Amino acid sequence: MKAMKREQNIHCADDFEKYTDGDPDIAVEGPMDDAGFTLIEAVCAQVIILVALLGVAFAFTYATNYNAGNRSRSQALAVLQQEVERIRAAKFTPTVTDSVLIGGSEARTVVNATGSKFSVQVDIDNDPLTAGIQNEAAVPKPTLKEISVTVRLANPSPGWQTAVPAMIILRRVRAN
């Protein structure tokens, strides 16, 4: 039957002799057998396309996680800036020391406008030249205070960007 189809596609006797050597039962490779793709070629093409699409999907996932980390870091910096402004606005004069600047450590949680929770650690050292954190009992009338503020995401998701804290160290001198 295959040979009969070939005979129908061959238009002259010379072509028939060329491809079959005159025998209609012989299957000879030729231009008529090259039409279309084999099943193996189609499956290989699909596997190659699948691998490429998986690479693109992985790139999108990576970019999304990376951008989420940058967003949480910028939000942590905004919370840090608010804390620093609050501390810088406090009075530290020979007669008045605001309660914000009393020596010691304070840890609390802050929720920003988008609903993200951040852990804020404020360490106020009344004598930065001595190891450890000295409070008002150890140094009652300090002239210099070192203030360390660290802000980090309270519940970080996995990833190196989301766990990076924002930190600043300030020094305040008693003013007139």
N, C-alpha and C. Protein backbone atom coordinates (compact mmCIF):
# COMPACT_ATOMS: atom_id res chain seq x y z
N MET A 1 0.83 -1.18 0.00
CA MET A 1 0.00 0.00 0.00
C MET A 1 0.87 1.25 0.00
N LYS A 2 1.97 1.19 0.76
CA LYS A 2 2.89 2.32 0.80
C LYS A 2 3.49 2.56 -0.58
N ALA A 3 3.82 1.49 -1.24
CA ALA A 3 4.40 1.62 -2.57
C ALA A 3 3.38 2.20 -3.53
N MET A 4 2.11 1.91 -3.35
CA MET A 4 1.08 2.45 -4.24
C MET A 4 0.96 3.95 -4.06
N LYS A 5 1.06 4.42 -2.82
CA LYS A 5 1.01 5.87 -2.60
C LYS A 5 2.20 6.53 -3.25
N ARG A 6 3.32 5.87 -3.17
CA ARG A 6 4.52 6.43 -3.81
C ARG A 6 4.32 6.50 -5.32
N GLU A 7 3.73 5.51 -5.83
CA GLU A 7 3.53 5.52 -7.27
C GLU A 7 2.61 6.65 -7.69
N GLN A 8 1.67 6.98 -6.86
CA GLN A 8 0.76 8.08 -7.19
C GLN A 8 1.48 9.42 -7.13
N ASN A 9 2.48 9.56 -6.24
CA ASN A 9 3.22 10.81 -6.12
C ASN A 9 4.29 10.97 -7.19
N ILE A 10 4.68 9.88 -7.80
CA ILE A 10 5.72 9.94 -8.84
C ILE A 10 5.02 10.24 -10.16
N HIS A 11 5.52 11.25 -10.86
CA HIS A 11 4.82 11.74 -12.05
C HIS A 11 5.32 11.13 -13.34
N CYS A 12 6.50 10.57 -13.33
CA CYS A 12 6.98 9.99 -14.59
C CYS A 12 7.69 8.68 -14.30
N ALA A 13 7.88 7.90 -15.27
CA ALA A 13 8.48 6.57 -15.12
C ALA A 13 9.94 6.68 -14.70
N ASP A 14 10.60 7.74 -15.16
CA ASP A 14 12.02 7.91 -14.78
C ASP A 14 12.15 8.11 -13.28
N ASP A 15 11.25 8.89 -12.66
CA ASP A 15 11.29 9.09 -11.22
C ASP A 15 11.02 7.79 -10.48
N PHE A 16 10.08 6.98 -11.02
CA PHE A 16 9.77 5.71 -10.37
C PHE A 16 10.99 4.80 -10.39
N GLU A 17 11.66 4.74 -11.51
CA GLU A 17 12.86 3.92 -11.61
C GLU A 17 13.95 4.43 -10.67
N LYS A 18 14.06 5.76 -10.53
CA LYS A 18 15.10 6.37 -9.71
C LYS A 18 14.92 6.02 -8.24
N TYR A 19 13.70 6.06 -7.73
CA TYR A 19 13.46 5.86 -6.30
C TYR A 19 13.21 4.40 -5.90
N THR A 20 12.74 3.57 -6.81
CA THR A 20 12.39 2.20 -6.43
C THR A 20 13.16 1.15 -7.20
N ASP A 21 13.99 1.54 -8.08
CA ASP A 21 14.71 0.60 -8.95
C ASP A 21 13.74 -0.32 -9.69
N GLY A 22 12.56 0.18 -9.96
CA GLY A 22 11.58 -0.57 -10.73
C GLY A 22 10.74 -1.53 -9.92
N ASP A 23 11.08 -1.75 -8.66
CA ASP A 23 10.32 -2.70 -7.83
C ASP A 23 9.39 -1.91 -6.91
N PRO A 24 8.05 -2.04 -7.02
CA PRO A 24 7.14 -1.26 -6.19
C PRO A 24 7.11 -1.70 -4.73
N ASP A 25 7.66 -2.86 -4.38
CA ASP A 25 7.65 -3.33 -3.00
C ASP A 25 8.86 -2.84 -2.20
N ILE A 26 9.82 -2.21 -2.84
CA ILE A 26 11.02 -1.75 -2.14
C ILE A 26 10.73 -0.35 -1.58
N ALA A 27 10.99 -0.19 -0.26
CA ALA A 27 10.85 1.11 0.38
C ALA A 27 12.20 1.80 0.33
N VAL A 28 12.29 2.82 -0.44
CA VAL A 28 13.54 3.55 -0.60
C VAL A 28 13.38 4.92 0.01
N GLU A 29 14.37 5.34 0.81
CA GLU A 29 14.36 6.69 1.40
C GLU A 29 14.50 7.70 0.29
N GLY A 30 13.73 8.73 0.37
CA GLY A 30 13.82 9.77 -0.64
C GLY A 30 13.08 10.99 -0.19
N PRO A 31 12.94 11.98 -1.03
CA PRO A 31 12.28 13.23 -0.68
C PRO A 31 10.83 13.04 -0.24
N MET A 32 10.17 11.97 -0.69
CA MET A 32 8.77 11.78 -0.34
C MET A 32 8.61 11.36 1.12
N ASP A 33 9.63 10.73 1.74
CA ASP A 33 9.54 10.26 3.12
C ASP A 33 9.97 11.31 4.13
N ASP A 34 10.40 12.47 3.75
CA ASP A 34 10.93 13.48 4.65
C ASP A 34 9.90 14.51 5.10
N ALA A 35 8.66 14.32 4.81
CA ALA A 35 7.64 15.29 5.18
C ALA A 35 7.27 15.12 6.66
N GLY A 36 7.24 16.26 7.48
CA GLY A 36 6.81 16.23 8.87
C GLY A 36 7.92 15.89 9.84
N PHE A 37 7.54 15.80 11.14
CA PHE A 37 8.47 15.50 12.23
C PHE A 37 8.17 14.12 12.78
N THR A 38 9.19 13.49 13.30
CA THR A 38 8.96 12.22 13.97
C THR A 38 8.50 12.52 15.40
N LEU A 39 7.99 11.51 16.05
CA LEU A 39 7.52 11.65 17.43
C LEU A 39 8.68 12.00 18.36
N ILE A 40 9.82 11.43 18.13
CA ILE A 40 11.00 11.70 18.97
C ILE A 40 11.44 13.15 18.82
N GLU A 41 11.42 13.66 17.61
CA GLU A 41 11.79 15.07 17.40
C GLU A 41 10.81 16.00 18.11
N ALA A 42 9.54 15.69 18.05
CA ALA A 42 8.53 16.53 18.71
C ALA A 42 8.70 16.50 20.22
N VAL A 43 8.96 15.33 20.79
CA VAL A 43 9.14 15.22 22.24
C VAL A 43 10.40 15.96 22.67
N CYS A 44 11.48 15.84 21.92
CA CYS A 44 12.73 16.56 22.24
C CYS A 44 12.51 18.07 22.20
N ALA A 45 11.76 18.55 21.21
CA ALA A 45 11.47 19.98 21.13
C ALA A 45 10.64 20.44 22.33
N GLN A 46 9.69 19.63 22.73
CA GLN A 46 8.88 19.98 23.90
C GLN A 46 9.71 20.01 25.18
N VAL A 47 10.64 19.09 25.33
CA VAL A 47 11.50 19.07 26.51
C VAL A 47 12.38 20.32 26.53
N ILE A 48 12.92 20.71 25.41
CA ILE A 48 13.77 21.91 25.34
C ILE A 48 12.96 23.15 25.70
N ILE A 49 11.75 23.26 25.16
CA ILE A 49 10.90 24.41 25.47
C ILE A 49 10.52 24.41 26.95
N LEU A 50 10.24 23.23 27.53
CA LEU A 50 9.89 23.13 28.95
C LEU A 50 11.04 23.59 29.83
N VAL A 51 12.26 23.19 29.50
CA VAL A 51 13.42 23.61 30.28
C VAL A 51 13.60 25.13 30.19
N ALA A 52 13.40 25.70 29.03
CA ALA A 52 13.52 27.15 28.88
C ALA A 52 12.44 27.88 29.69
N LEU A 53 11.21 27.38 29.66
CA LEU A 53 10.13 28.01 30.43
C LEU A 53 10.36 27.89 31.94
N LEU A 54 10.91 26.76 32.37
CA LEU A 54 11.22 26.63 33.80
C LEU A 54 12.30 27.62 34.21
N GLY A 55 13.26 27.87 33.34
CA GLY A 55 14.29 28.88 33.63
C GLY A 55 13.68 30.27 33.76
N VAL A 56 12.75 30.60 32.89
CA VAL A 56 12.08 31.91 32.96
C VAL A 56 11.26 32.01 34.24
N ALA A 57 10.55 30.94 34.60
CA ALA A 57 9.75 30.96 35.84
C ALA A 57 10.65 31.12 37.06
N PHE A 58 11.80 30.46 37.08
CA PHE A 58 12.74 30.60 38.19
C PHE A 58 13.27 32.03 38.27
N ALA A 59 13.54 32.64 37.12
CA ALA A 59 14.02 34.03 37.12
C ALA A 59 12.97 34.98 37.69
N PHE A 60 11.70 34.77 37.35
CA PHE A 60 10.63 35.61 37.90
C PHE A 60 10.52 35.43 39.41
N THR A 61 10.62 34.20 39.88
CA THR A 61 10.55 33.93 41.31
C THR A 61 11.71 34.61 42.04
N TYR A 62 12.90 34.51 41.50
CA TYR A 62 14.07 35.14 42.11
C TYR A 62 13.91 36.65 42.16
N ALA A 63 13.45 37.24 41.06
CA ALA A 63 13.27 38.70 41.01
C ALA A 63 12.22 39.16 42.02
N THR A 64 11.15 38.39 42.16
CA THR A 64 10.11 38.75 43.12
C THR A 64 10.65 38.72 44.55
N ASN A 65 11.39 37.67 44.91
CA ASN A 65 11.97 37.58 46.25
C ASN A 65 12.98 38.69 46.50
N TYR A 66 13.78 38.99 45.49
CA TYR A 66 14.80 40.03 45.63
C TYR A 66 14.14 41.39 45.85
N ASN A 67 13.09 41.67 45.09
CA ASN A 67 12.39 42.95 45.25
C ASN A 67 11.66 43.03 46.59
N ALA A 68 11.13 41.93 47.07
CA ALA A 68 10.47 41.93 48.38
C ALA A 68 11.48 42.25 49.48
N GLY A 69 12.69 41.72 49.35
CA GLY A 69 13.75 42.03 50.31
C GLY A 69 14.12 43.50 50.29
N ASN A 70 14.20 44.07 49.11
CA ASN A 70 14.51 45.50 49.01
C ASN A 70 13.39 46.35 49.60
N ARG A 71 12.14 45.94 49.39
CA ARG A 71 11.01 46.69 49.95
C ARG A 71 11.06 46.66 51.47
N SER A 72 11.31 45.48 52.06
CA SER A 72 11.34 45.41 53.52
C SER A 72 12.54 46.18 54.07
N ARG A 73 13.63 46.22 53.34
CA ARG A 73 14.80 47.00 53.80
C ARG A 73 14.50 48.49 53.76
N SER A 74 13.83 48.96 52.73
CA SER A 74 13.49 50.39 52.67
C SER A 74 12.47 50.76 53.75
N GLN A 75 11.55 49.85 54.06
CA GLN A 75 10.61 50.11 55.14
C GLN A 75 11.33 50.14 56.49
N ALA A 76 12.32 49.25 56.67
CA ALA A 76 13.10 49.25 57.90
C ALA A 76 13.89 50.55 58.04
N LEU A 77 14.41 51.06 56.94
CA LEU A 77 15.12 52.34 56.98
C LEU A 77 14.18 53.50 57.34
N ALA A 78 12.94 53.44 56.87
CA ALA A 78 11.97 54.48 57.22
C ALA A 78 11.65 54.43 58.72
N VAL A 79 11.49 53.22 59.28
CA VAL A 79 11.25 53.09 60.71
C VAL A 79 12.47 53.57 61.49
N LEU A 80 13.65 53.24 61.01
CA LEU A 80 14.89 53.69 61.65
C LEU A 80 14.98 55.22 61.65
N GLN A 81 14.62 55.84 60.55
CA GLN A 81 14.65 57.30 60.48
C GLN A 81 13.68 57.93 61.48
N GLN A 82 12.50 57.35 61.64
CA GLN A 82 11.56 57.87 62.63
C GLN A 82 12.11 57.76 64.04
N GLU A 83 12.75 56.64 64.35
CA GLU A 83 13.34 56.45 65.68
C GLU A 83 14.46 57.47 65.93
N VAL A 84 15.30 57.68 64.93
CA VAL A 84 16.40 58.63 65.08
C VAL A 84 15.87 60.05 65.26
N GLU A 85 14.85 60.41 64.53
CA GLU A 85 14.26 61.74 64.69
C GLU A 85 13.67 61.91 66.08
N ARG A 86 13.05 60.88 66.61
CA ARG A 86 12.49 60.93 67.96
C ARG A 86 13.61 61.12 68.99
N ILE A 87 14.72 60.43 68.81
CA ILE A 87 15.84 60.53 69.75
C ILE A 87 16.55 61.88 69.61
N ARG A 88 16.71 62.36 68.39
CA ARG A 88 17.39 63.64 68.20
C ARG A 88 16.56 64.81 68.70
N ALA A 89 15.23 64.65 68.73
CA ALA A 89 14.36 65.72 69.22
C ALA A 89 14.35 65.79 70.74
N ALA A 90 14.83 64.75 71.41
CA ALA A 90 14.84 64.73 72.88
C ALA A 90 15.89 65.70 73.42
N LYS A 91 15.59 66.29 74.58
CA LYS A 91 16.50 67.26 75.20
C LYS A 91 17.55 66.54 76.03
N PHE A 92 18.79 67.02 75.88
CA PHE A 92 19.91 66.49 76.67
C PHE A 92 20.77 67.71 77.07
N THR A 93 20.30 68.43 78.10
CA THR A 93 20.95 69.66 78.56
C THR A 93 21.46 69.44 79.98
N PRO A 94 22.22 70.39 80.54
CA PRO A 94 22.69 70.21 81.92
C PRO A 94 21.56 70.09 82.94
N THR A 95 20.41 70.66 82.64
CA THR A 95 19.32 70.61 83.62
C THR A 95 18.24 69.59 83.27
N VAL A 96 18.09 69.25 81.99
CA VAL A 96 16.99 68.38 81.57
C VAL A 96 17.53 67.24 80.69
N THR A 97 17.11 66.03 81.03
CA THR A 97 17.36 64.87 80.17
C THR A 97 16.01 64.19 79.96
N ASP A 98 15.54 64.18 78.71
CA ASP A 98 14.24 63.55 78.42
C ASP A 98 14.30 62.05 78.71
N SER A 99 13.14 61.50 79.00
CA SER A 99 13.06 60.07 79.34
C SER A 99 13.48 59.18 78.18
N VAL A 100 13.41 59.69 76.96
CA VAL A 100 13.82 58.92 75.78
C VAL A 100 15.32 58.60 75.85
N LEU A 101 16.10 59.49 76.52
CA LEU A 101 17.55 59.35 76.56
C LEU A 101 18.09 58.74 77.85
N ILE A 102 17.25 58.11 78.64
CA ILE A 102 17.74 57.45 79.85
C ILE A 102 18.49 56.19 79.45
N GLY A 103 19.67 56.00 80.03
CA GLY A 103 20.54 54.89 79.67
C GLY A 103 19.92 53.53 79.89
N GLY A 104 20.33 52.57 79.05
CA GLY A 104 19.83 51.20 79.14
C GLY A 104 19.42 50.69 77.78
N SER A 105 18.71 49.56 77.78
CA SER A 105 18.26 48.94 76.53
C SER A 105 16.74 48.90 76.50
N GLU A 106 16.20 49.07 75.31
CA GLU A 106 14.76 49.01 75.12
C GLU A 106 14.49 48.25 73.83
N ALA A 107 13.65 47.26 73.89
CA ALA A 107 13.23 46.51 72.70
C ALA A 107 11.73 46.61 72.58
N ARG A 108 11.26 46.90 71.37
CA ARG A 108 9.82 46.98 71.15
C ARG A 108 9.51 46.66 69.70
N THR A 109 8.23 46.49 69.43
CA THR A 109 7.78 46.19 68.07
C THR A 109 7.03 47.39 67.53
N VAL A 110 7.31 47.75 66.29
CA VAL A 110 6.67 48.88 65.63
C VAL A 110 5.96 48.35 64.38
N VAL A 111 4.73 48.81 64.16
CA VAL A 111 3.98 48.45 62.97
C VAL A 111 3.93 49.68 62.07
N ASN A 112 4.39 49.53 60.82
CA ASN A 112 4.39 50.69 59.93
C ASN A 112 3.04 50.82 59.21
N ALA A 113 2.94 51.78 58.31
CA ALA A 113 1.66 52.09 57.65
C ALA A 113 1.15 50.94 56.78
N THR A 114 2.05 50.10 56.27
CA THR A 114 1.62 48.99 55.41
C THR A 114 1.27 47.74 56.22
N GLY A 115 1.45 47.80 57.54
CA GLY A 115 1.11 46.67 58.39
C GLY A 115 2.27 45.73 58.69
N SER A 116 3.47 46.04 58.21
CA SER A 116 4.64 45.21 58.48
C SER A 116 5.13 45.48 59.90
N LYS A 117 5.54 44.42 60.60
CA LYS A 117 6.03 44.56 61.97
C LYS A 117 7.56 44.53 61.96
N PHE A 118 8.11 45.47 62.73
CA PHE A 118 9.57 45.58 62.84
C PHE A 118 9.98 45.55 64.31
N SER A 119 11.07 44.87 64.59
CA SER A 119 11.65 44.86 65.93
C SER A 119 12.64 46.01 66.01
N VAL A 120 12.47 46.84 67.03
CA VAL A 120 13.35 48.00 67.23
C VAL A 120 14.11 47.79 68.53
N GLN A 121 15.42 47.82 68.45
CA GLN A 121 16.28 47.69 69.63
C GLN A 121 17.05 49.00 69.79
N VAL A 122 16.86 49.68 70.93
CA VAL A 122 17.55 50.94 71.22
C VAL A 122 18.43 50.71 72.45
N ASP A 123 19.73 50.89 72.28
CA ASP A 123 20.69 50.77 73.38
C ASP A 123 21.30 52.16 73.61
N ILE A 124 21.14 52.68 74.85
CA ILE A 124 21.70 53.99 75.20
C ILE A 124 22.75 53.76 76.27
N ASP A 125 23.98 54.07 75.91
CA ASP A 125 25.12 53.86 76.80
C ASP A 125 25.56 55.21 77.36
N ASN A 126 25.55 55.34 78.70
CA ASN A 126 25.94 56.61 79.33
C ASN A 126 27.45 56.82 79.35
N ASP A 127 28.22 55.76 79.13
CA ASP A 127 29.68 55.88 79.10
C ASP A 127 30.21 54.98 77.98
N PRO A 128 30.30 55.50 76.77
CA PRO A 128 30.71 54.67 75.65
C PRO A 128 32.18 54.20 75.73
N LEU A 129 32.98 54.83 76.60
CA LEU A 129 34.38 54.45 76.71
C LEU A 129 34.58 53.22 77.60
N THR A 130 33.55 52.80 78.29
CA THR A 130 33.59 51.62 79.15
C THR A 130 32.80 50.50 78.47
N ALA A 131 33.30 49.28 78.58
CA ALA A 131 32.62 48.14 77.94
C ALA A 131 31.24 47.93 78.56
N GLY A 132 30.30 47.52 77.74
CA GLY A 132 28.94 47.28 78.21
C GLY A 132 28.09 48.53 78.12
N ILE A 133 26.84 48.38 78.52
CA ILE A 133 25.90 49.51 78.50
C ILE A 133 25.68 49.97 79.92
N GLN A 134 26.06 51.23 80.19
CA GLN A 134 25.88 51.82 81.52
C GLN A 134 24.59 52.63 81.54
N ASN A 135 23.81 52.44 82.60
CA ASN A 135 22.56 53.18 82.72
C ASN A 135 22.74 54.35 83.70
N GLU A 136 21.64 54.95 84.12
CA GLU A 136 21.70 56.13 85.01
C GLU A 136 22.25 55.77 86.39
N ALA A 137 22.09 54.55 86.84
CA ALA A 137 22.61 54.14 88.15
C ALA A 137 24.14 54.08 88.13
N ALA A 138 24.72 53.62 87.02
CA ALA A 138 26.18 53.51 86.93
C ALA A 138 26.82 54.87 86.66
N VAL A 139 26.23 55.67 85.81
CA VAL A 139 26.76 57.00 85.46
C VAL A 139 25.59 57.97 85.55
N PRO A 140 25.41 58.65 86.70
CA PRO A 140 24.20 59.47 86.90
C PRO A 140 24.15 60.75 86.06
N LYS A 141 25.23 61.44 85.84
CA LYS A 141 25.22 62.69 85.07
C LYS A 141 26.21 62.58 83.91
N PRO A 142 25.88 61.82 82.87
CA PRO A 142 26.83 61.66 81.76
C PRO A 142 26.90 62.93 80.91
N THR A 143 28.04 63.14 80.28
CA THR A 143 28.18 64.26 79.34
C THR A 143 28.17 63.77 77.90
N LEU A 144 28.30 62.47 77.73
CA LEU A 144 28.30 61.87 76.40
C LEU A 144 27.46 60.60 76.44
N LYS A 145 26.63 60.41 75.43
CA LYS A 145 25.82 59.20 75.31
C LYS A 145 26.02 58.62 73.91
N GLU A 146 26.15 57.30 73.87
CA GLU A 146 26.20 56.60 72.58
C GLU A 146 24.90 55.83 72.43
N ILE A 147 24.22 56.09 71.33
CA ILE A 147 22.90 55.51 71.11
C ILE A 147 22.97 54.62 69.87
N SER A 148 22.63 53.37 70.05
CA SER A 148 22.62 52.40 68.95
C SER A 148 21.18 51.99 68.68
N VAL A 149 20.73 52.16 67.45
CA VAL A 149 19.37 51.80 67.06
C VAL A 149 19.46 50.75 65.96
N THR A 150 18.79 49.61 66.19
CA THR A 150 18.76 48.53 65.20
C THR A 150 17.32 48.20 64.90
N VAL A 151 16.98 48.14 63.61
CA VAL A 151 15.63 47.82 63.17
C VAL A 151 15.73 46.64 62.22
N ARG A 152 14.90 45.62 62.47
CA ARG A 152 14.85 44.47 61.56
C ARG A 152 13.42 43.99 61.45
N LEU A 153 13.12 43.29 60.38
CA LEU A 153 11.79 42.74 60.17
C LEU A 153 11.48 41.74 61.28
N ALA A 154 10.31 41.87 61.91
CA ALA A 154 9.97 41.02 63.06
C ALA A 154 9.82 39.56 62.66
N ASN A 155 9.20 39.28 61.53
CA ASN A 155 9.00 37.91 61.06
C ASN A 155 9.56 37.79 59.64
N PRO A 156 10.87 37.67 59.50
CA PRO A 156 11.42 37.64 58.14
C PRO A 156 11.11 36.31 57.45
N SER A 157 10.85 36.41 56.16
CA SER A 157 10.68 35.20 55.36
C SER A 157 12.06 34.73 54.93
N PRO A 158 12.18 33.51 54.46
CA PRO A 158 13.51 33.02 54.07
C PRO A 158 14.10 33.88 52.95
N GLY A 159 15.36 34.11 53.02
CA GLY A 159 16.04 34.91 52.01
C GLY A 159 17.04 35.84 52.66
N TRP A 160 18.13 36.09 51.97
CA TRP A 160 19.20 36.88 52.58
C TRP A 160 18.82 38.35 52.69
N GLN A 161 18.02 38.88 51.82
CA GLN A 161 17.69 40.30 51.84
C GLN A 161 16.73 40.67 52.96
N THR A 162 15.80 39.79 53.29
CA THR A 162 14.78 40.15 54.26
C THR A 162 15.29 40.13 55.69
N ALA A 163 16.42 39.47 55.94
CA ALA A 163 16.92 39.36 57.31
C ALA A 163 17.98 40.40 57.64
N VAL A 164 18.33 41.27 56.71
CA VAL A 164 19.37 42.26 56.93
C VAL A 164 18.82 43.40 57.79
N PRO A 165 19.45 43.68 58.95
CA PRO A 165 18.94 44.77 59.79
C PRO A 165 19.44 46.13 59.31
N ALA A 166 18.71 47.17 59.67
CA ALA A 166 19.15 48.55 59.46
C ALA A 166 19.66 49.04 60.81
N MET A 167 20.84 49.65 60.84
CA MET A 167 21.45 50.02 62.12
C MET A 167 22.15 51.37 62.00
N ILE A 168 22.11 52.12 63.11
CA ILE A 168 22.82 53.41 63.17
C ILE A 168 23.32 53.60 64.60
N ILE A 169 24.45 54.27 64.71
CA ILE A 169 25.02 54.61 66.02
C ILE A 169 25.17 56.12 66.09
N LEU A 170 24.55 56.73 67.11
CA LEU A 170 24.60 58.18 67.31
C LEU A 170 25.39 58.48 68.58
N ARG A 171 25.98 59.64 68.62
CA ARG A 171 26.59 60.13 69.86
C ARG A 171 25.98 61.48 70.17
N ARG A 172 25.53 61.62 71.39
CA ARG A 172 24.94 62.89 71.85
C ARG A 172 25.82 63.45 72.95
N VAL A 173 26.10 64.75 72.86
CA VAL A 173 26.86 65.46 73.89
C VAL A 173 25.90 66.42 74.57
N ARG A 174 26.05 66.52 75.88
CA ARG A 174 25.18 67.42 76.66
C ARG A 174 25.35 68.83 76.14
N ALA A 175 24.23 69.48 75.80
CA ALA A 175 24.25 70.82 75.21
C ALA A 175 23.77 71.85 76.23
N ASN A 176 24.02 73.12 75.93
CA ASN A 176 23.57 74.21 76.79
C ASN A 176 22.17 74.63 76.49
